[in-house]
């Protein structure tokens, strides 16, 4: 009997409620004190195709999905065909035995247990729609693994808050699936989930997009403009759902060009403002990004990566836009680029992004990807006192200095006093042409040089401040056989791969680079100089972070493990690739 360690795939067509089934099951396990991680895989289709949600459940902290499947919840035959080779010995399949016919002998030879259940008949008996099969199969799962049905029923009830009839139908469907399994398959499966003690800390189950949204709200974001684009649309929906509660303006605009221009305008008026998009939308935003750089208007942009070029793979993941983020926009101007690697970092680093944007009056880019934004992770409740709100040299109400106000005053650190329009005793000019200190257009070569130098002096102060901030993280023993380097969402699979390597007696440590620009060259150099062997892990073709490391530190990474098929790394296969480096 294997207790509190289970990997499940829920699979079917788009429109079958696949993700909702996985999330409900995950939340039920979370509320019993277990750790969960869930990732979805779906095609760019509204109906049809093949979708699946992989949910990993454990009594210990986990950081990603895994390579294998212990239980397959199949809402159609295609799911079994596509995933049967991922099943472990002793695994099980729950499926509709009246709709799907399987070769029992084939699965018996592979030591896979079959659990047919009349999913569609149960739904018809309840006078429910076919989508309710997802609740039936989740209820059946709770029985098969001997878990607490009440936790699932409460989760389903909450997921349909305000829709009492729909909630009741789905709760009844889950109960019917549970009861069927209790009668036919009680104690027939070798995996069991048990609730942990009452002293287990309460946790959340949330996505990276939700964590970024919470970070933005905690940072007092008051204006959010966005155009729907996978994988950043969930952030737009999340912010819109909370705009009245937190006194924000959230608007779905006609294009990404409108989004960037609107947040520049909102910031100019004094509001903390944000947008989010993926690579194609970020292309459209590049001119507006340059305008924010020239006018020294602080904005926060979340770039959620997916494979390109062009439309690429619209619903899959990538880390191919790092160089793009660093160099986007016409001309040269300073920016800060932050790459969180898990939901907690999404929250805290978003707050830091808002502070740094305003403190240095520059654009702040939070670079993420589909895998991080849409995967669910169990996490401790965030400490909202950890990062405060710092609005920098913002003047509001009245300007009290005797000297005439100059929006682009040349200062030692390059940061000028920033007044919002209608501030008493000021005239606030914003000019996207090169300008003098007062904001009037200039083409004077000497003044052009002075203003460019002024803007770039901010980087000196910013770089110095970042020395005392968490710009990198390290994991594992200081002395090890190999040092793994990564950024962003590769964090989870790398940490899981390190667990596997440790069990095999191989010691690796891990350098996570969080701040990409300005690059923490001194910190990174110190670690790499003491490394025996180095290997970088990236979801792109050209090892973009490795290129940046070489550019900034002169250190050439010896080995690269690169994946660019739109899918995230899986820890078992990743550990085998890393092992080849030892």
Foldseek 3Di string as FASTA:
>chain_A
DAEFWFKEKEKDWQVLCAVVLQVLLQQLLLVLQKWKWKFKDHAPDNTGDMIMMMMTIGNDAAQYHFQAHQEYEYADPVSCVVHVVRYAQQGEYEYACVHDDDDVVVVVVRNYYYHHDNLVVLCVVLVHDSSLSSLLSSLLVCQLQVHDLVSSLVSLCVVCPPPVVVSVSSSVSSVVSNVVCCVPPHPVGPYHYGRDDPPRARWDKDFLLLLLLLLCLLLQAAEEEEADAPPNNVNLVNCVVCCVVSVHHRYYDDALCVRLVVQLVVQLQPGAYEYEYEDVRVLSCLASQLLLQQLLGFHEYEYAYFDDDPCGRRQFKFDACPVVVVPGHPDDFAEWEFFDAASLCSNVVSSVQSQLCQQLSHYYYYYAYNRRRRMITIDHDHDSVPHHHHRHLEDAAEDDDPDQAFCQDQDPQLHGRRYHPPHHRHDDEGDSARAARNNHHDPDPVRSVSNRVSRCSNLVVVLVVCVPPPQKDKFFDLAFQEEEEEEYNLVSLVVLLQVVCVVVVHGYMYMYGTIPVVGNLVVVLVSVVRGNAYEYEGADDPPVSQVSNCVRHVDHHDYYDYHHPRHHDHNVVVSVVVVVRD
